[in-house]
N, C-alpha and C. Protein backbone atom coordinates (compact mmCIF):
# COMPACT_ATOMS: atom_id res chain seq x y z
N GLY A 1 36.73 75.53 74.55
CA GLY A 1 35.40 75.11 74.93
C GLY A 1 34.56 75.90 75.22
N ARG A 2 33.14 75.60 75.87
CA ARG A 2 32.01 76.52 75.92
C ARG A 2 32.28 77.30 77.22
N VAL A 3 33.09 76.69 78.53
CA VAL A 3 33.11 77.24 79.33
C VAL A 3 34.42 78.04 79.57
N LEU A 4 35.64 77.84 79.21
CA LEU A 4 36.27 78.70 78.59
C LEU A 4 36.28 80.16 78.36
N ARG A 5 35.11 79.89 76.87
CA ARG A 5 35.16 81.06 76.36
C ARG A 5 33.99 81.95 77.13
N ALA A 6 33.01 81.44 77.79
CA ALA A 6 32.38 82.30 78.60
C ALA A 6 33.21 82.65 79.73
N LEU A 7 34.13 82.28 80.09
CA LEU A 7 34.85 82.64 81.45
C LEU A 7 35.93 83.80 81.14
N THR A 8 36.63 83.55 79.31
CA THR A 8 37.12 84.61 79.18
C THR A 8 36.44 85.58 78.80
N ALA A 9 35.12 85.80 78.00
CA ALA A 9 34.99 86.77 77.77
C ALA A 9 34.26 87.52 78.81
N ALA A 10 33.77 86.79 80.11
CA ALA A 10 33.21 87.48 81.20
C ALA A 10 34.18 88.32 82.13
N THR A 11 35.16 87.49 81.89
CA THR A 11 36.40 88.67 83.06
C THR A 11 37.35 89.31 82.37
N THR A 12 37.40 89.21 80.91
CA THR A 12 37.72 90.43 80.07
C THR A 12 36.73 91.70 80.17
N LEU A 13 35.53 91.45 80.18
CA LEU A 13 34.72 92.67 79.90
C LEU A 13 34.66 93.27 81.69
N ALA A 14 34.65 92.35 82.63
CA ALA A 14 35.27 93.14 84.04
C ALA A 14 35.88 93.48 84.35
N TRP A 15 37.20 93.22 83.88
CA TRP A 15 38.36 93.96 83.93
C TRP A 15 38.88 94.81 83.15
N MET A 16 38.23 94.97 82.39
CA MET A 16 38.07 96.68 81.66
C MET A 16 37.38 97.54 82.66
N GLY A 17 36.30 97.34 83.13
CA GLY A 17 36.00 97.96 84.29
C GLY A 17 36.91 98.02 85.28
N PHE A 18 37.40 97.07 85.83
CA PHE A 18 38.39 97.07 86.79
C PHE A 18 39.61 98.01 86.53
N GLY A 19 39.70 98.42 85.17
CA GLY A 19 40.82 99.17 85.09
C GLY A 19 41.16 100.75 85.74
N GLY A 20 39.72 100.90 85.92
CA GLY A 20 39.53 102.65 86.09
C GLY A 20 39.25 102.51 87.56
N VAL A 21 38.87 101.35 88.65
CA VAL A 21 38.86 101.39 89.90
C VAL A 21 40.11 102.19 90.72
N ALA A 22 41.28 102.30 90.52
CA ALA A 22 42.14 103.43 91.19
C ALA A 22 41.95 104.52 91.26
N VAL A 23 41.80 105.24 89.94
CA VAL A 23 41.43 106.50 89.72
C VAL A 23 40.33 106.64 90.45
N THR A 24 39.41 106.08 89.88
CA THR A 24 37.97 106.50 90.88
C THR A 24 38.15 106.22 92.23
N ALA A 25 38.93 105.45 93.08
CA ALA A 25 38.92 105.93 94.21
C ALA A 25 39.29 106.78 94.80
N VAL A 26 40.35 107.34 94.18
CA VAL A 26 40.62 109.11 94.14
C VAL A 26 39.31 110.06 94.49
N LEU A 27 38.89 109.64 92.90
CA LEU A 27 37.95 110.83 93.10
C LEU A 27 36.45 110.93 93.88
N LEU A 28 36.67 109.71 94.16
CA LEU A 28 35.50 109.07 94.43
C LEU A 28 35.42 109.71 96.21
N ALA A 29 37.15 109.66 96.60
CA ALA A 29 37.23 109.80 98.24
C ALA A 29 37.39 111.39 98.31
N GLU A 30 37.36 112.64 97.44
CA GLU A 30 37.44 113.64 96.79
C GLU A 30 35.86 113.93 97.20
N HIS A 31 35.07 113.26 96.48
CA HIS A 31 33.76 113.48 96.10
C HIS A 31 32.51 113.26 97.46
N ILE A 32 33.52 112.59 98.22
CA ILE A 32 32.57 112.73 99.86
C ILE A 32 32.97 113.14 100.61
N GLY A 33 34.20 113.90 100.29
CA GLY A 33 34.82 115.02 101.33
C GLY A 33 35.83 114.40 102.11
N ALA A 34 36.05 113.53 101.56
CA ALA A 34 37.50 113.07 102.63
C ALA A 34 39.11 112.99 101.84
N GLU A 35 39.75 113.27 102.27
CA GLU A 35 41.49 113.24 101.39
C GLU A 35 41.12 112.65 100.26
N PRO A 36 42.17 112.69 99.13
CA PRO A 36 42.08 112.03 98.26
C PRO A 36 42.84 110.78 98.57
N SER A 37 43.85 110.88 99.48
CA SER A 37 44.34 109.44 100.39
C SER A 37 43.71 108.88 100.46
N ALA A 38 42.52 108.92 101.33
CA ALA A 38 41.11 107.77 101.43
C ALA A 38 40.82 106.64 100.60
N GLY A 39 41.47 107.55 99.22
CA GLY A 39 41.10 106.76 97.89
C GLY A 39 42.11 105.36 97.84
N GLY A 40 43.15 105.40 98.09
CA GLY A 40 44.22 104.21 98.73
C GLY A 40 43.58 103.78 99.74
N GLN A 41 43.37 104.28 100.76
CA GLN A 41 42.31 102.92 102.41
C GLN A 41 41.60 102.79 101.59
N MET A 42 40.36 103.17 100.61
CA MET A 42 39.63 102.30 99.78
C MET A 42 40.57 101.24 99.67
N LEU A 43 41.17 101.36 98.90
CA LEU A 43 41.36 100.02 97.99
C LEU A 43 42.54 99.50 98.35
N VAL A 44 42.66 99.33 99.55
CA VAL A 44 43.50 98.78 100.67
C VAL A 44 42.22 97.69 101.25
N ALA A 45 41.10 98.27 101.55
CA ALA A 45 39.68 97.89 101.60
C ALA A 45 39.28 96.78 100.76
N LEU A 46 39.66 97.16 99.36
CA LEU A 46 39.08 96.00 98.64
C LEU A 46 40.51 95.26 98.33
N ALA A 47 41.00 95.00 98.63
CA ALA A 47 42.52 93.94 98.74
C ALA A 47 41.95 93.07 100.11
N VAL A 48 41.69 93.68 100.70
CA VAL A 48 41.44 93.30 102.33
C VAL A 48 40.01 92.22 102.49
N GLY A 49 39.47 92.39 101.53
CA GLY A 49 38.11 91.71 101.30
C GLY A 49 38.30 90.80 100.30
N SER A 50 39.06 91.01 99.39
CA SER A 50 39.31 89.94 98.01
C SER A 50 40.07 88.63 98.87
N LEU A 51 41.15 89.31 100.34
CA LEU A 51 41.76 88.33 100.38
C LEU A 51 41.28 87.42 101.27
N ILE A 52 39.84 88.17 101.97
CA ILE A 52 38.94 87.54 102.85
C ILE A 52 38.13 86.56 101.87
N GLY A 53 37.30 87.13 100.96
CA GLY A 53 37.00 85.88 99.95
C GLY A 53 37.39 84.66 99.42
N SER A 54 38.81 85.19 98.99
CA SER A 54 39.70 83.88 98.71
C SER A 54 39.41 82.61 99.54
N LEU A 55 40.06 83.13 100.80
CA LEU A 55 40.50 82.25 101.67
C LEU A 55 39.01 82.07 102.01
N ALA A 56 37.97 82.26 102.20
CA ALA A 56 36.23 81.82 102.55
C ALA A 56 35.96 80.34 101.32
N SER A 57 36.12 80.91 99.96
CA SER A 57 36.24 80.14 98.91
C SER A 57 37.06 79.28 98.53
N SER A 58 38.06 78.85 99.58
CA SER A 58 38.79 77.75 99.47
C SER A 58 38.28 76.85 100.30
N ARG A 59 37.04 76.93 101.26
CA ARG A 59 36.51 75.94 101.87
C ARG A 59 35.35 75.75 100.98
N TRP A 60 34.74 76.17 99.91
CA TRP A 60 33.48 75.85 99.90
C TRP A 60 33.31 75.84 98.42
N LEU A 61 34.45 76.46 97.70
CA LEU A 61 34.13 76.09 96.31
C LEU A 61 34.88 74.88 95.39
N THR A 62 34.12 74.57 95.27
CA THR A 62 34.12 72.86 94.27
C THR A 62 33.82 73.19 92.79
N PRO A 63 34.39 72.33 91.88
CA PRO A 63 34.78 72.20 90.47
C PRO A 63 32.92 72.44 89.97
N LYS A 64 32.11 71.62 90.98
CA LYS A 64 30.69 71.31 90.15
C LYS A 64 30.20 72.86 90.44
N HIS A 65 30.28 73.96 91.03
CA HIS A 65 29.83 75.28 91.43
C HIS A 65 30.77 76.18 90.71
N GLY A 66 31.98 76.11 89.91
CA GLY A 66 32.82 77.16 89.41
C GLY A 66 31.77 77.93 88.58
N GLU A 67 31.41 77.86 87.52
CA GLU A 67 30.61 78.55 86.78
C GLU A 67 29.52 79.82 87.29
N THR A 68 29.18 78.66 88.34
CA THR A 68 27.67 79.47 89.50
C THR A 68 28.58 81.02 89.78
N VAL A 69 29.75 80.47 90.66
CA VAL A 69 30.06 81.28 91.75
C VAL A 69 31.46 82.40 90.64
N MET A 70 31.13 82.19 89.83
CA MET A 70 32.15 83.45 88.13
C MET A 70 31.27 84.34 88.38
N ILE A 71 29.57 83.90 87.91
CA ILE A 71 28.50 84.74 87.21
C ILE A 71 28.31 85.03 88.72
N VAL A 72 28.27 84.86 89.61
CA VAL A 72 27.39 85.59 90.74
C VAL A 72 28.00 86.25 91.05
N GLY A 73 29.70 86.05 91.32
CA GLY A 73 30.36 86.59 92.04
C GLY A 73 30.48 88.57 91.69
N LEU A 74 30.54 88.19 89.96
CA LEU A 74 30.72 89.09 89.36
C LEU A 74 29.50 90.00 89.58
N ALA A 75 28.31 89.84 89.27
CA ALA A 75 27.63 90.62 89.77
C ALA A 75 27.12 91.26 91.42
N ALA A 76 27.83 90.45 91.80
CA ALA A 76 27.97 91.15 93.26
C ALA A 76 28.86 92.25 93.38
N PHE A 77 29.92 91.86 92.63
CA PHE A 77 30.87 92.96 92.56
C PHE A 77 30.60 93.72 92.05
N GLY A 78 29.74 93.75 90.93
CA GLY A 78 29.04 95.19 90.31
C GLY A 78 28.35 95.93 91.44
N ALA A 79 27.02 95.11 91.87
CA ALA A 79 26.39 95.66 93.05
C ALA A 79 27.29 96.55 94.05
N SER A 80 28.27 95.90 94.65
CA SER A 80 29.11 96.28 95.48
C SER A 80 29.41 97.73 94.87
N LEU A 81 30.29 97.48 94.43
CA LEU A 81 30.93 99.17 93.08
C LEU A 81 29.19 100.01 92.88
N ALA A 82 28.82 100.14 92.62
CA ALA A 82 27.06 100.85 92.21
C ALA A 82 26.94 101.19 93.50
N ALA A 83 26.95 100.58 94.36
CA ALA A 83 26.64 101.16 95.82
C ALA A 83 27.44 102.56 96.34
N LEU A 84 28.72 102.78 95.87
CA LEU A 84 29.44 103.47 96.15
C LEU A 84 28.77 104.97 95.42
N ALA A 85 27.91 104.63 94.67
CA ALA A 85 27.36 105.94 94.09
C ALA A 85 26.54 106.80 95.07
N VAL A 86 25.79 105.60 96.12
CA VAL A 86 24.87 106.57 96.83
C VAL A 86 25.98 106.67 98.10
N ALA A 87 26.95 106.89 98.58
CA ALA A 87 27.92 106.24 99.74
C ALA A 87 28.11 107.82 100.15
N PRO A 88 27.46 107.52 101.38
CA PRO A 88 27.40 109.06 101.87
C PRO A 88 28.62 109.62 102.80
N SER A 89 29.79 108.82 103.27
CA SER A 89 30.84 108.79 103.26
C SER A 89 32.03 107.84 103.80
N LEU A 90 33.03 108.26 103.90
CA LEU A 90 34.53 107.25 103.69
C LEU A 90 33.68 106.24 104.76
N PRO A 91 33.37 106.06 105.56
CA PRO A 91 32.79 104.45 106.32
C PRO A 91 32.23 103.35 105.59
N TRP A 92 31.14 104.13 105.27
CA TRP A 92 30.08 103.40 103.90
C TRP A 92 31.12 102.98 102.44
N ALA A 93 31.47 104.22 101.82
CA ALA A 93 32.98 103.65 100.84
C ALA A 93 33.47 102.62 101.14
N THR A 94 34.08 102.62 102.10
CA THR A 94 34.99 101.64 102.66
C THR A 94 34.42 100.22 102.81
N ALA A 95 33.03 100.32 103.72
CA ALA A 95 32.29 98.99 103.57
C ALA A 95 31.95 98.42 102.48
N ALA A 96 31.38 99.41 101.49
CA ALA A 96 31.25 99.12 100.03
C ALA A 96 32.48 98.24 99.10
N PHE A 97 33.70 99.18 99.70
CA PHE A 97 34.66 98.33 98.72
C PHE A 97 35.24 96.85 99.72
N VAL A 98 35.03 96.53 100.34
CA VAL A 98 35.04 95.89 101.44
C VAL A 98 34.33 94.22 100.46
N ALA A 99 32.72 94.53 100.44
CA ALA A 99 31.96 93.63 100.39
C ALA A 99 32.26 93.47 98.36
N ALA A 100 32.87 94.69 97.66
CA ALA A 100 33.35 94.31 96.70
C ALA A 100 34.21 93.24 96.29
N GLY A 101 35.36 93.42 97.53
CA GLY A 101 36.23 92.61 97.42
C GLY A 101 35.61 91.19 97.40
N VAL A 102 34.77 91.13 98.67
CA VAL A 102 34.68 89.79 99.67
C VAL A 102 34.23 89.08 98.20
N SER A 103 33.20 89.94 96.90
CA SER A 103 32.89 89.07 96.11
C SER A 103 34.03 89.07 95.34
N GLU A 104 34.82 89.71 94.85
CA GLU A 104 36.17 89.32 93.85
C GLU A 104 36.91 88.28 93.98
N GLY A 105 37.52 88.18 95.16
CA GLY A 105 38.29 87.12 95.70
C GLY A 105 37.27 85.69 94.85
N PRO A 106 36.22 85.11 95.27
CA PRO A 106 35.83 84.06 94.88
C PRO A 106 35.59 83.81 93.59
N VAL A 107 35.82 85.28 92.39
CA VAL A 107 35.40 84.98 91.19
C VAL A 107 37.48 84.81 90.60
N PHE A 108 38.10 85.52 91.51
CA PHE A 108 39.28 85.17 90.62
C PHE A 108 39.62 83.29 90.98
N ALA A 109 39.41 82.63 92.32
CA ALA A 109 39.58 81.27 92.80
C ALA A 109 38.77 80.61 91.80
N ALA A 110 37.90 80.67 90.97
CA ALA A 110 37.03 80.30 90.44
C ALA A 110 37.47 79.92 89.19
N THR A 111 38.22 81.21 88.75
CA THR A 111 38.49 81.63 87.53
C THR A 111 40.17 80.37 87.21
N LEU A 112 40.66 80.40 87.93
CA LEU A 112 41.74 79.61 88.13
C LEU A 112 41.33 78.19 88.35
N MET A 113 40.45 77.88 88.69
CA MET A 113 39.82 76.20 88.93
C MET A 113 39.22 76.34 87.77
N LEU A 114 38.48 76.76 87.00
CA LEU A 114 37.70 76.56 85.63
C LEU A 114 38.80 76.42 84.73
N ARG A 115 39.75 77.13 84.82
CA ARG A 115 40.99 76.98 83.62
C ARG A 115 41.91 75.73 83.44
N GLN A 116 42.11 75.43 85.19
CA GLN A 116 42.61 74.52 85.26
C GLN A 116 41.96 72.53 85.10
N ARG A 117 40.45 72.66 84.71
CA ARG A 117 39.32 71.67 84.86
C ARG A 117 38.76 71.88 83.29
N GLU A 118 39.21 73.00 82.85
CA GLU A 118 38.71 73.32 81.49
C GLU A 118 39.55 73.28 80.32
N SER A 119 40.89 73.36 80.53
CA SER A 119 42.16 73.39 79.78
C SER A 119 42.29 72.09 79.42
N PRO A 120 42.89 71.62 78.55
CA PRO A 120 43.78 70.18 78.14
C PRO A 120 45.46 70.78 78.72
N PRO A 121 45.81 69.36 79.27
CA PRO A 121 46.66 69.66 80.64
C PRO A 121 48.07 70.20 79.79
N ASP A 122 47.67 69.86 78.64
CA ASP A 122 49.28 70.53 77.89
C ASP A 122 48.78 72.15 77.11
N ARG A 123 48.32 72.54 77.25
CA ARG A 123 47.84 74.10 77.03
C ARG A 123 47.55 75.01 78.56
N LEU A 124 47.10 74.25 79.48
CA LEU A 124 47.16 75.20 80.85
C LEU A 124 47.94 76.39 80.51
N GLY A 125 49.39 76.61 80.12
CA GLY A 125 50.03 77.16 79.78
C GLY A 125 49.71 78.42 79.59
N GLN A 126 49.26 78.15 78.18
CA GLN A 126 48.87 78.74 77.27
C GLN A 126 47.83 79.67 77.65
N VAL A 127 46.55 78.81 77.80
CA VAL A 127 45.74 79.38 78.38
C VAL A 127 45.58 80.67 79.43
N ASN A 128 46.66 80.55 80.42
CA ASN A 128 46.73 81.30 81.48
C ASN A 128 47.33 82.38 80.78
N THR A 129 48.36 82.07 80.04
CA THR A 129 48.89 83.02 79.70
C THR A 129 48.09 84.51 78.43
N THR A 130 47.29 83.78 77.84
CA THR A 130 46.50 83.83 76.61
C THR A 130 45.40 85.20 77.64
N ALA A 131 44.86 84.27 78.10
CA ALA A 131 43.79 85.00 79.72
C ALA A 131 43.75 86.19 80.22
N GLY A 132 45.39 85.76 81.30
CA GLY A 132 45.85 86.67 82.04
C GLY A 132 45.82 87.81 80.48
N SER A 133 46.61 87.89 79.55
CA SER A 133 47.32 88.72 78.64
C SER A 133 45.99 89.84 78.22
N LEU A 134 44.68 89.20 77.71
CA LEU A 134 43.73 89.63 77.71
C LEU A 134 42.97 90.78 78.66
N LYS A 135 42.97 89.82 79.81
CA LYS A 135 42.42 90.90 80.91
C LYS A 135 43.18 91.80 81.33
N ILE A 136 45.16 92.09 81.33
CA ILE A 136 45.61 93.09 81.26
C ILE A 136 45.21 94.32 80.19
N GLY A 137 45.20 93.94 79.09
CA GLY A 137 45.02 94.27 77.86
C GLY A 137 43.61 95.12 78.46
N ALA A 138 42.39 94.52 78.83
CA ALA A 138 41.06 95.58 78.97
C ALA A 138 41.85 95.98 80.18
N SER A 139 42.47 95.90 81.05
CA SER A 139 42.47 96.88 81.99
C SER A 139 42.94 97.88 81.80
N ALA A 140 43.96 98.53 81.20
CA ALA A 140 44.62 98.98 80.50
C ALA A 140 43.52 100.19 79.74
N VAL A 141 43.06 99.44 78.97
CA VAL A 141 41.64 99.99 78.25
C VAL A 141 40.81 100.83 78.73
N GLY A 142 40.50 100.08 80.09
CA GLY A 142 39.68 100.46 81.27
C GLY A 142 39.40 101.80 81.42
N ALA A 143 41.38 101.96 82.00
CA ALA A 143 41.73 102.82 82.81
C ALA A 143 41.96 104.27 81.62
N ALA A 144 42.30 104.16 80.65
CA ALA A 144 42.30 104.95 79.63
C ALA A 144 40.88 105.82 79.57
N LEU A 145 40.02 104.73 79.36
CA LEU A 145 38.64 104.90 79.66
C LEU A 145 37.92 106.09 80.36
N THR A 146 38.39 105.23 81.78
CA THR A 146 38.48 106.37 82.59
C THR A 146 39.01 107.38 82.71
N ALA A 147 39.82 107.84 82.43
CA ALA A 147 40.88 108.90 81.85
C ALA A 147 40.36 110.08 81.12
N ALA A 148 39.96 109.42 80.40
CA ALA A 148 39.21 109.95 79.41
C ALA A 148 37.70 110.41 79.31
N SER A 149 36.84 109.93 80.47
CA SER A 149 35.38 110.08 80.57
C SER A 149 35.75 110.88 81.99
N ALA A 150 36.81 111.12 82.75
CA ALA A 150 36.53 111.30 84.22
C ALA A 150 36.21 112.70 84.56
N ALA A 151 36.42 113.64 83.87
CA ALA A 151 35.93 115.05 83.58
C ALA A 151 34.31 115.04 83.39
N ALA A 152 33.75 114.13 82.35
CA ALA A 152 32.54 114.13 82.03
C ALA A 152 31.47 113.72 82.70
N ILE A 153 31.66 112.61 83.39
CA ILE A 153 30.95 111.45 83.81
C ILE A 153 31.06 112.25 85.77
N GLY A 154 31.96 112.44 85.73
CA GLY A 154 32.68 112.04 87.43
C GLY A 154 32.19 111.17 88.37
N PRO A 155 32.84 110.89 89.55
CA PRO A 155 33.15 109.96 90.17
C PRO A 155 31.86 108.63 90.14
N VAL A 156 30.74 109.54 90.61
CA VAL A 156 29.38 108.60 90.66
C VAL A 156 29.32 107.76 89.44
N GLY A 157 29.39 108.59 88.53
CA GLY A 157 29.30 108.02 86.54
C GLY A 157 30.31 106.93 86.74
N LEU A 158 31.79 106.99 86.86
CA LEU A 158 32.65 106.57 86.77
C LEU A 158 32.27 104.81 87.86
N VAL A 159 32.01 104.93 89.12
CA VAL A 159 31.76 104.11 89.31
C VAL A 159 30.42 103.22 89.13
N LEU A 160 29.26 103.80 88.44
CA LEU A 160 28.63 103.16 87.73
C LEU A 160 29.09 102.85 86.46
N ALA A 161 30.27 103.10 85.48
CA ALA A 161 30.36 102.36 84.31
C ALA A 161 30.91 101.47 84.95
N ILE A 162 32.04 101.53 86.10
CA ILE A 162 32.62 99.80 86.08
C ILE A 162 31.99 98.41 86.85
N ALA A 163 30.80 99.42 87.82
CA ALA A 163 30.12 98.33 87.77
C ALA A 163 28.80 97.85 86.76
N GLY A 164 28.96 98.64 85.67
CA GLY A 164 28.27 98.12 84.33
C GLY A 164 29.09 96.97 83.75
N PHE A 165 30.24 97.31 83.63
CA PHE A 165 31.37 96.59 83.10
C PHE A 165 31.38 95.04 83.85
N GLN A 166 30.57 95.23 85.06
CA GLN A 166 30.89 93.94 85.86
C GLN A 166 29.11 93.09 85.49
N PHE A 167 28.50 93.99 85.12
CA PHE A 167 27.01 93.13 84.87
C PHE A 167 27.27 92.68 83.82
N ALA A 168 27.91 93.34 82.72
CA ALA A 168 28.01 92.66 81.84
C ALA A 168 28.60 91.72 81.45
N GLY A 169 29.62 91.74 81.84
CA GLY A 169 30.50 90.44 82.10
C GLY A 169 29.70 89.21 82.88
N ALA A 170 29.05 89.26 83.39
CA ALA A 170 28.12 88.51 84.34
C ALA A 170 26.93 88.20 83.40
N ALA A 171 26.50 88.69 82.33
CA ALA A 171 25.40 88.58 81.65
C ALA A 171 25.90 87.73 80.10
N VAL A 172 27.63 88.69 80.23
CA VAL A 172 28.17 87.69 78.80
C VAL A 172 28.03 85.94 79.13
N GLY A 173 28.91 86.16 80.18
CA GLY A 173 29.39 84.74 80.48
C GLY A 173 28.13 83.98 81.08
N LEU A 174 27.18 84.19 81.45
CA LEU A 174 25.94 83.60 81.40
C LEU A 174 25.10 83.30 80.17
N VAL A 175 25.22 84.23 79.22
CA VAL A 175 25.02 83.61 77.79
C VAL A 175 25.87 82.89 77.10
N LEU A 176 27.00 82.97 77.17
CA LEU A 176 27.86 82.13 76.69
C LEU A 176 27.74 80.41 77.26
N LEU A 177 27.53 80.62 78.37
CA LEU A 177 27.55 79.10 79.21
C LEU A 177 26.39 78.52 78.88
N ARG A 178 25.59 79.10 78.03
CA ARG A 178 24.24 78.21 77.54
C ARG A 178 24.08 78.50 75.80
N VAL A 179 25.12 78.21 75.58
CA VAL A 179 25.62 78.26 74.50
C VAL A 179 26.36 76.62 74.05
N PRO A 180 25.91 75.58 73.62
CA PRO A 180 26.70 74.70 73.54
C PRO A 180 27.71 74.61 72.97
N ALA A 181 29.05 74.17 73.04
CA ALA A 181 30.38 74.32 72.51
C ALA A 181 29.95 74.09 70.98
N GLY A 182 30.82 74.34 70.44
CA GLY A 182 30.62 74.22 68.63
C GLY A 182 29.43 75.22 67.94
N GLU A 183 28.46 75.39 68.65
CA GLU A 183 27.25 76.03 68.03
C GLU A 183 27.37 77.57 68.42
N LYS A 184 26.65 78.21 67.11
CA LYS A 184 26.54 79.63 67.44
C LYS A 184 25.60 80.32 68.19
N PRO A 185 25.38 80.97 68.56
CA PRO A 185 23.88 81.92 68.93
C PRO A 185 23.03 82.01 67.77
N VAL A 186 21.76 81.21 67.85
CA VAL A 186 20.96 81.34 66.63
C VAL A 186 20.49 83.68 67.06
N ASP A 187 20.55 83.85 65.75
CA ASP A 187 20.38 85.06 65.11
C ASP A 187 18.52 85.41 65.27
N PRO A 188 18.54 86.23 65.81
CA PRO A 188 17.01 86.38 66.14
C PRO A 188 16.19 86.93 64.28
N VAL A 189 16.98 87.75 63.55
CA VAL A 189 16.90 88.38 62.76
C VAL A 189 16.52 86.95 61.53
N LYS A 190 17.60 86.05 61.68
CA LYS A 190 17.60 84.80 60.91
C LYS A 190 16.47 84.21 61.29
N ARG A 191 16.15 84.20 62.21
CA ARG A 191 15.14 83.30 62.98
C ARG A 191 13.66 83.84 62.46
N GLY A 192 13.55 84.95 62.00
CA GLY A 192 12.21 85.55 62.20
C GLY A 192 11.79 86.11 63.06
N THR A 193 12.17 86.50 64.09
CA THR A 193 11.93 86.93 65.61
C THR A 193 12.56 88.54 65.65
């Protein structure tokens, strides 16, 4: 259906970017003058933020708001990661990672809720397995892209690219949510515009 299509496309794109977060965190730590091990500390900050966001969303996330939480959460995750491009120090970068996690936690909760709500009961396992496989595959591609481009664009370019994947996921999800199930988007070339 429409929602599963939007959810899968949005989160798969987002996870393509997310695949480069671990490597980028280490490079970013060095870039701001910290030890490379500070990259691990920033990843812990992301995880703590995600836990906080997930727990908070368990109180206010409802099936009626799942799509909105997914789109806004991906955009907020991207914005938090983009802020890393101008982080002047480890405390600022750590705060941006916490904010990114707080944004990502509700996205994960909304993802699970939307899959359960939109999947036929006898297909939920298949939907979860397929979507999970797509996200893991996209993450692996993202990690490979990060490794291939790290020397050329550096840590600032990498965090902006990762953020760009989050924004792209949110945008694609938003567009696909607006296309009714069973219909294809109108091709502007064929429409004459």
